[in-house]
């Protein structure tokens, strides 16, 4: 695998796609990744979560609040899946 790419895309863009719902993280998706790529993906997801949290909160915009919370939920669940997958493989991330 290339250092900063996954499926020919930048890892940070994959993290953004995870938040937007275009990429679903599952153990089958993670199975072909090595420990270093997994570590970089988790770091990118954490960075994306921080970016979403620092965006201006859409006060009064119900749909905007829903989208923000859904993005955070997707990123958080992906982070949890990655951590559990690494724990099963006894990898330190």
C-alpha atoms as a PDB file:
ATOM      1  CA  UNK A   1       0.000   0.000   0.000  1.00  0.00           C
ATOM      2  CA  UNK A   2       1.132   3.542  -0.603  1.00  0.00           C
ATOM      3  CA  UNK A   3       2.021   5.560   2.439  1.00  0.00           C
ATOM      4  CA  UNK A   4      -0.756   8.134   2.465  1.00  0.00           C
ATOM      5  CA  UNK A   5      -3.348   6.551   0.225  1.00  0.00           C
ATOM      6  CA  UNK A   6      -6.001   3.912   0.420  1.00  0.00           C
ATOM      7  CA  UNK A   7      -7.806   2.673  -2.684  1.00  0.00           C
ATOM      8  CA  UNK A   8      -5.963   5.394  -4.592  1.00  0.00           C
ATOM      9  CA  UNK A   9      -7.399   8.139  -2.396  1.00  0.00           C
ATOM     10  CA  UNK A  10      -5.841  10.280   0.295  1.00  0.00           C
ATOM     11  CA  UNK A  11      -6.494   8.923   3.808  1.00  0.00           C
ATOM     12  CA  UNK A  12      -7.875  12.269   4.973  1.00  0.00           C
ATOM     13  CA  UNK A  13     -10.379  12.218   2.104  1.00  0.00           C
ATOM     14  CA  UNK A  14     -11.390   8.680   3.097  1.00  0.00           C
ATOM     15  CA  UNK A  15     -12.023   9.984   6.641  1.00  0.00           C
ATOM     16  CA  UNK A  16     -14.180  12.780   5.203  1.00  0.00           C
ATOM     17  CA  UNK A  17     -16.072  10.240   3.081  1.00  0.00           C
ATOM     18  CA  UNK A  18     -16.660   8.123   6.191  1.00  0.00           C
ATOM     19  CA  UNK A  19     -18.193  11.136   7.906  1.00  0.00           C
ATOM     20  CA  UNK A  20     -20.351  11.885   4.867  1.00  0.00           C
ATOM     21  CA  UNK A  21     -21.546   8.282   4.681  1.00  0.00           C
ATOM     22  CA  UNK A  22     -19.922   7.296   1.376  1.00  0.00           C
ATOM     23  CA  UNK A  23     -17.566   4.748   2.965  1.00  0.00           C
ATOM     24  CA  UNK A  24     -18.683   2.234   5.568  1.00  0.00           C
ATOM     25  CA  UNK A  25     -16.034   0.928   7.959  1.00  0.00           C
ATOM     26  CA  UNK A  26     -16.365  -2.737   8.840  1.00  0.00           C
ATOM     27  CA  UNK A  27     -13.930  -5.516   9.755  1.00  0.00           C
ATOM     28  CA  UNK A  28     -14.084  -6.718   6.131  1.00  0.00           C
ATOM     29  CA  UNK A  29     -13.003  -3.263   4.945  1.00  0.00           C
ATOM     30  CA  UNK A  30     -10.181  -3.182   7.504  1.00  0.00           C
ATOM     31  CA  UNK A  31      -8.957  -6.743   6.951  1.00  0.00           C
ATOM     32  CA  UNK A  32      -6.649  -5.880   4.063  1.00  0.00           C
ATOM     33  CA  UNK A  33      -5.038  -2.901   5.807  1.00  0.00           C
ATOM     34  CA  UNK A  34      -1.783  -3.123   7.685  1.00  0.00           C
ATOM     35  CA  UNK A  35      -1.097  -1.625  11.097  1.00  0.00           C
ATOM     36  CA  UNK A  36       0.490   1.625   9.856  1.00  0.00           C
ATOM     37  CA  UNK A  37      -2.333   2.463   7.451  1.00  0.00           C
ATOM     38  CA  UNK A  38      -4.859   1.689  10.162  1.00  0.00           C
ATOM     39  CA  UNK A  39      -3.047   4.022  12.547  1.00  0.00           C
ATOM     40  CA  UNK A  40      -3.055   6.811   9.937  1.00  0.00           C
ATOM     41  CA  UNK A  41      -6.744   6.251   9.202  1.00  0.00           C
ATOM     42  CA  UNK A  42      -7.627   6.495  12.894  1.00  0.00           C
ATOM     43  CA  UNK A  43      -5.594   9.710  13.204  1.00  0.00           C
ATOM     44  CA  UNK A  44      -7.379  11.165  10.159  1.00  0.00           C
ATOM     45  CA  UNK A  45     -10.777  10.238  11.592  1.00  0.00           C
ATOM     46  CA  UNK A  46      -9.886  11.890  14.900  1.00  0.00           C
ATOM     47  CA  UNK A  47      -8.708  15.000  13.036  1.00  0.00           C
ATOM     48  CA  UNK A  48     -11.950  15.096  11.023  1.00  0.00           C
ATOM     49  CA  UNK A  49     -14.016  14.757  14.202  1.00  0.00           C
ATOM     50  CA  UNK A  50     -12.139  17.699  15.693  1.00  0.00           C
ATOM     51  CA  UNK A  51     -12.749  19.729  12.532  1.00  0.00           C
ATOM     52  CA  UNK A  52     -16.495  18.971  12.608  1.00  0.00           C
ATOM     53  CA  UNK A  53     -16.693  19.973  16.259  1.00  0.00           C
ATOM     54  CA  UNK A  54     -14.889  23.281  15.637  1.00  0.00           C
ATOM     55  CA  UNK A  55     -17.240  24.318  12.825  1.00  0.00           C
ATOM     56  CA  UNK A  56     -19.810  26.929  13.742  1.00  0.00           C
ATOM     57  CA  UNK A  57     -22.801  25.269  15.384  1.00  0.00           C
ATOM     58  CA  UNK A  58     -25.907  25.632  13.174  1.00  0.00           C
ATOM     59  CA  UNK A  59     -28.190  27.210  15.777  1.00  0.00           C
ATOM     60  CA  UNK A  60     -31.809  27.177  14.691  1.00  0.00           C
ATOM     61  CA  UNK A  61     -31.137  24.971  11.671  1.00  0.00           C
ATOM     62  CA  UNK A  62     -32.636  21.596  12.544  1.00  0.00           C
ATOM     63  CA  UNK A  63     -31.350  19.877   9.391  1.00  0.00           C
ATOM     64  CA  UNK A  64     -27.863  21.307   9.915  1.00  0.00           C
ATOM     65  CA  UNK A  65     -27.778  20.029  13.486  1.00  0.00           C
ATOM     66  CA  UNK A  66     -28.953  16.634  12.294  1.00  0.00           C
ATOM     67  CA  UNK A  67     -26.236  16.469   9.598  1.00  0.00           C
ATOM     68  CA  UNK A  68     -23.529  17.523  12.055  1.00  0.00           C
ATOM     69  CA  UNK A  69     -24.579  14.957  14.646  1.00  0.00           C
ATOM     70  CA  UNK A  70     -24.868  12.232  12.008  1.00  0.00           C
ATOM     71  CA  UNK A  71     -21.331  12.971  10.752  1.00  0.00           C
ATOM     72  CA  UNK A  72     -19.990  12.838  14.298  1.00  0.00           C
ATOM     73  CA  UNK A  73     -21.871   9.602  14.921  1.00  0.00           C
ATOM     74  CA  UNK A  74     -20.459   7.949  11.791  1.00  0.00           C
ATOM     75  CA  UNK A  75     -16.919   9.051  12.605  1.00  0.00           C
ATOM     76  CA  UNK A  76     -17.234   7.898  16.213  1.00  0.00           C
ATOM     77  CA  UNK A  77     -18.570   4.475  15.222  1.00  0.00           C
ATOM     78  CA  UNK A  78     -15.778   4.075  12.639  1.00  0.00           C
ATOM     79  CA  UNK A  79     -13.231   4.950  15.311  1.00  0.00           C
ATOM     80  CA  UNK A  80     -14.742   2.368  17.650  1.00  0.00           C
ATOM     81  CA  UNK A  81     -14.701  -0.327  14.939  1.00  0.00           C
ATOM     82  CA  UNK A  82     -11.049   0.406  14.128  1.00  0.00           C
ATOM     83  CA  UNK A  83     -10.016   0.292  17.795  1.00  0.00           C
ATOM     84  CA  UNK A  84     -11.862  -2.996  18.347  1.00  0.00           C
ATOM     85  CA  UNK A  85     -10.397  -4.493  15.160  1.00  0.00           C
ATOM     86  CA  UNK A  86      -6.882  -3.534  16.278  1.00  0.00           C
ATOM     87  CA  UNK A  87      -7.520  -4.963  19.726  1.00  0.00           C
ATOM     88  CA  UNK A  88      -8.610  -8.292  18.209  1.00  0.00           C
ATOM     89  CA  UNK A  89      -5.426  -8.404  16.155  1.00  0.00           C
ATOM     90  CA  UNK A  90      -3.381  -7.333  19.212  1.00  0.00           C
ATOM     91  CA  UNK A  91      -2.055  -4.309  17.384  1.00  0.00           C
ATOM     92  CA  UNK A  92      -1.081  -1.217  19.315  1.00  0.00           C
ATOM     93  CA  UNK A  93      -2.523   1.892  17.733  1.00  0.00           C
END
